[in-house]
Structures are given as C-alpha cells and as structure tokens.
Amino acid sequence: MNFFAEYIREVRKSLEKGDSTEHTHRTALEALLEACDKEIDATNEPRRIACGAPDFNITRRGVPVGPLVCRGRETFDRSGGRP
C-alpha cells in the first residue's frame, strides 16, 4: 500500500473516535517517516536538545536530519494558517 495512503487511513481512523490528540497520531507519523526510507530512524519524544523539546528526532544512517514538532489540527485555522 502507498505509505501516505496508509498514514491518512490511520489518522482518519483515530479522528473518527473523536477523542484523539496530537499524540494519538504520532505512531502513524513515525511509521510513515520510517517507511519512506528504511535508513531513517524517527525517535518519538527524544531528550531535550539545544532548540528545545521536539516531538521527534529524525536521523538517517545515524546522522541527524533534524527535529520535528507535531501539532494537532485544532492548532490551525480553516485558511491553513496559525491562529
């Protein structure tokens, strides 16, 4: 199955329950990131780093790619911008 289609399916399934938060979707996001490239490792809730406390730390072949911060859909208004 297409990695992105699987991610969307998992997120929609969680949203249908009506009690999801940004943390609920992290498992699906981790699976998507790691499925896109088998050399990628996405660490959920890594220790604090110089830029703060990211939700994920992304590495590829052990080399840091960068931090990733997740936001729930309620963080964005209908136009797609931040409130």
C-alpha atoms as a PDB file:
ATOM      1  CA  MET A   1       0.000   0.000   0.000  1.00  0.00           C
ATOM      2  CA  ASN A   2       1.059   3.574  -0.586  1.00  0.00           C
ATOM      3  CA  PHE A   3       2.774   4.893   2.575  1.00  0.00           C
ATOM      4  CA  PHE A   4       0.876   8.169   2.506  1.00  0.00           C
ATOM      5  CA  ALA A   5      -2.487   6.479   1.957  1.00  0.00           C
ATOM      6  CA  GLU A   6      -1.787   4.235   4.955  1.00  0.00           C
ATOM      7  CA  TYR A   7      -0.879   7.269   7.071  1.00  0.00           C
ATOM      8  CA  ILE A   8      -4.088   9.083   6.098  1.00  0.00           C
ATOM      9  CA  ARG A   9      -6.130   5.950   6.777  1.00  0.00           C
ATOM     10  CA  GLU A  10      -4.658   5.616  10.279  1.00  0.00           C
ATOM     11  CA  VAL A  11      -5.167   9.299  11.104  1.00  0.00           C
ATOM     12  CA  ARG A  12      -8.766   9.242   9.873  1.00  0.00           C
ATOM     13  CA  LYS A  13      -9.437   6.117  11.910  1.00  0.00           C
ATOM     14  CA  SER A  14      -8.152   7.883  15.024  1.00  0.00           C
ATOM     15  CA  LEU A  15     -10.117  11.060  14.287  1.00  0.00           C
ATOM     16  CA  GLU A  16     -13.360   9.131  13.871  1.00  0.00           C
ATOM     17  CA  LYS A  17     -13.149   8.086  17.522  1.00  0.00           C
ATOM     18  CA  GLY A  18     -13.496  11.744  18.480  1.00  0.00           C
ATOM     19  CA  ASP A  19     -11.027  11.770  21.362  1.00  0.00           C
ATOM     20  CA  SER A  20      -7.664  11.998  19.601  1.00  0.00           C
ATOM     21  CA  THR A  21      -4.906  14.478  20.353  1.00  0.00           C
ATOM     22  CA  GLU A  22      -1.698  15.341  18.523  1.00  0.00           C
ATOM     23  CA  HIS A  23      -0.042  12.495  20.446  1.00  0.00           C
ATOM     24  CA  THR A  24      -2.527   9.960  19.075  1.00  0.00           C
ATOM     25  CA  HIS A  25      -1.214  10.332  15.522  1.00  0.00           C
ATOM     26  CA  ARG A  26       2.473  10.035  16.301  1.00  0.00           C
ATOM     27  CA  THR A  27       2.575   6.280  15.790  1.00  0.00           C
ATOM     28  CA  ALA A  28       1.217   6.707  12.266  1.00  0.00           C
ATOM     29  CA  LEU A  29       3.658   9.543  11.553  1.00  0.00           C
ATOM     30  CA  GLU A  30       6.615   7.518  12.825  1.00  0.00           C
ATOM     31  CA  ALA A  31       5.588   4.615  10.574  1.00  0.00           C
ATOM     32  CA  LEU A  32       5.256   6.961   7.581  1.00  0.00           C
ATOM     33  CA  LEU A  33       8.659   8.572   8.116  1.00  0.00           C
ATOM     34  CA  GLU A  34      10.435   5.252   8.528  1.00  0.00           C
ATOM     35  CA  ALA A  35       8.576   3.638   5.595  1.00  0.00           C
ATOM     36  CA  CYS A  36       9.687   6.410   3.212  1.00  0.00           C
ATOM     37  CA  ASP A  37      13.333   5.462   3.673  1.00  0.00           C
ATOM     38  CA  LYS A  38      14.493   2.355   5.515  1.00  0.00           C
ATOM     39  CA  GLU A  39      17.600   4.256   6.668  1.00  0.00           C
ATOM     40  CA  ILE A  40      15.511   6.832   8.555  1.00  0.00           C
ATOM     41  CA  ASP A  41      15.019   6.485  12.286  1.00  0.00           C
ATOM     42  CA  ALA A  42      12.329   8.644  13.897  1.00  0.00           C
ATOM     43  CA  THR A  43      12.697   8.799  17.681  1.00  0.00           C
ATOM     44  CA  ASN A  44       9.460   9.801  19.406  1.00  0.00           C
ATOM     45  CA  GLU A  45       9.906  12.044  22.490  1.00  0.00           C
ATOM     46  CA  PRO A  46      13.710  12.321  22.391  1.00  0.00           C
ATOM     47  CA  ARG A  47      15.550  14.102  25.189  1.00  0.00           C
ATOM     48  CA  ARG A  48      15.740  17.889  25.073  1.00  0.00           C
ATOM     49  CA  ILE A  49      18.187  19.409  22.622  1.00  0.00           C
ATOM     50  CA  ALA A  50      19.533  22.931  22.045  1.00  0.00           C
ATOM     51  CA  CYS A  51      16.390  24.030  20.184  1.00  0.00           C
ATOM     52  CA  GLY A  52      14.006  22.678  22.848  1.00  0.00           C
ATOM     53  CA  ALA A  53      11.966  19.518  23.203  1.00  0.00           C
ATOM     54  CA  PRO A  54      10.991  18.209  19.758  1.00  0.00           C
ATOM     55  CA  ASP A  55       8.345  15.542  19.343  1.00  0.00           C
ATOM     56  CA  PHE A  56      10.635  13.543  17.054  1.00  0.00           C
ATOM     57  CA  ASN A  57      14.324  13.486  16.295  1.00  0.00           C
ATOM     58  CA  ILE A  58      14.986  12.300  12.745  1.00  0.00           C
ATOM     59  CA  THR A  59      18.261  10.606  11.817  1.00  0.00           C
ATOM     60  CA  ARG A  60      19.396   8.854   8.659  1.00  0.00           C
ATOM     61  CA  ARG A  61      22.183   6.310   8.937  1.00  0.00           C
ATOM     62  CA  GLY A  62      22.854   7.718  12.405  1.00  0.00           C
ATOM     63  CA  VAL A  63      23.351  11.271  11.090  1.00  0.00           C
ATOM     64  CA  PRO A  64      20.949  13.882  12.486  1.00  0.00           C
ATOM     65  CA  VAL A  65      18.499  15.200   9.898  1.00  0.00           C
ATOM     66  CA  GLY A  66      16.589  17.417  12.287  1.00  0.00           C
ATOM     67  CA  PRO A  67      13.890  17.754  14.918  1.00  0.00           C
ATOM     68  CA  LEU A  68      10.172  17.552  14.134  1.00  0.00           C
ATOM     69  CA  VAL A  69       7.334  19.121  16.107  1.00  0.00           C
ATOM     70  CA  CYS A  70       3.759  17.851  15.742  1.00  0.00           C
ATOM     71  CA  ARG A  71       0.651  19.965  16.056  1.00  0.00           C
ATOM     72  CA  GLY A  72      -2.967  18.939  16.364  1.00  0.00           C
ATOM     73  CA  ARG A  73      -5.362  20.034  13.666  1.00  0.00           C
ATOM     74  CA  GLU A  74      -7.001  22.452  16.100  1.00  0.00           C
ATOM     75  CA  THR A  75      -3.742  24.456  16.037  1.00  0.00           C
ATOM     76  CA  PHE A  76      -4.557  25.711  12.533  1.00  0.00           C
ATOM     77  CA  ASP A  77      -7.493  27.796  11.416  1.00  0.00           C
ATOM     78  CA  ARG A  78      -9.541  26.978   8.312  1.00  0.00           C
ATOM     79  CA  SER A  79      -7.313  29.005   5.994  1.00  0.00           C
ATOM     80  CA  GLY A  80      -4.354  26.805   6.952  1.00  0.00           C
ATOM     81  CA  GLY A  81      -2.533  29.476   8.939  1.00  0.00           C
ATOM     82  CA  ARG A  82      -1.669  29.627  12.606  1.00  0.00           C
ATOM     83  CA  PRO A  83      -4.314  31.319  14.801  1.00  0.00           C
END
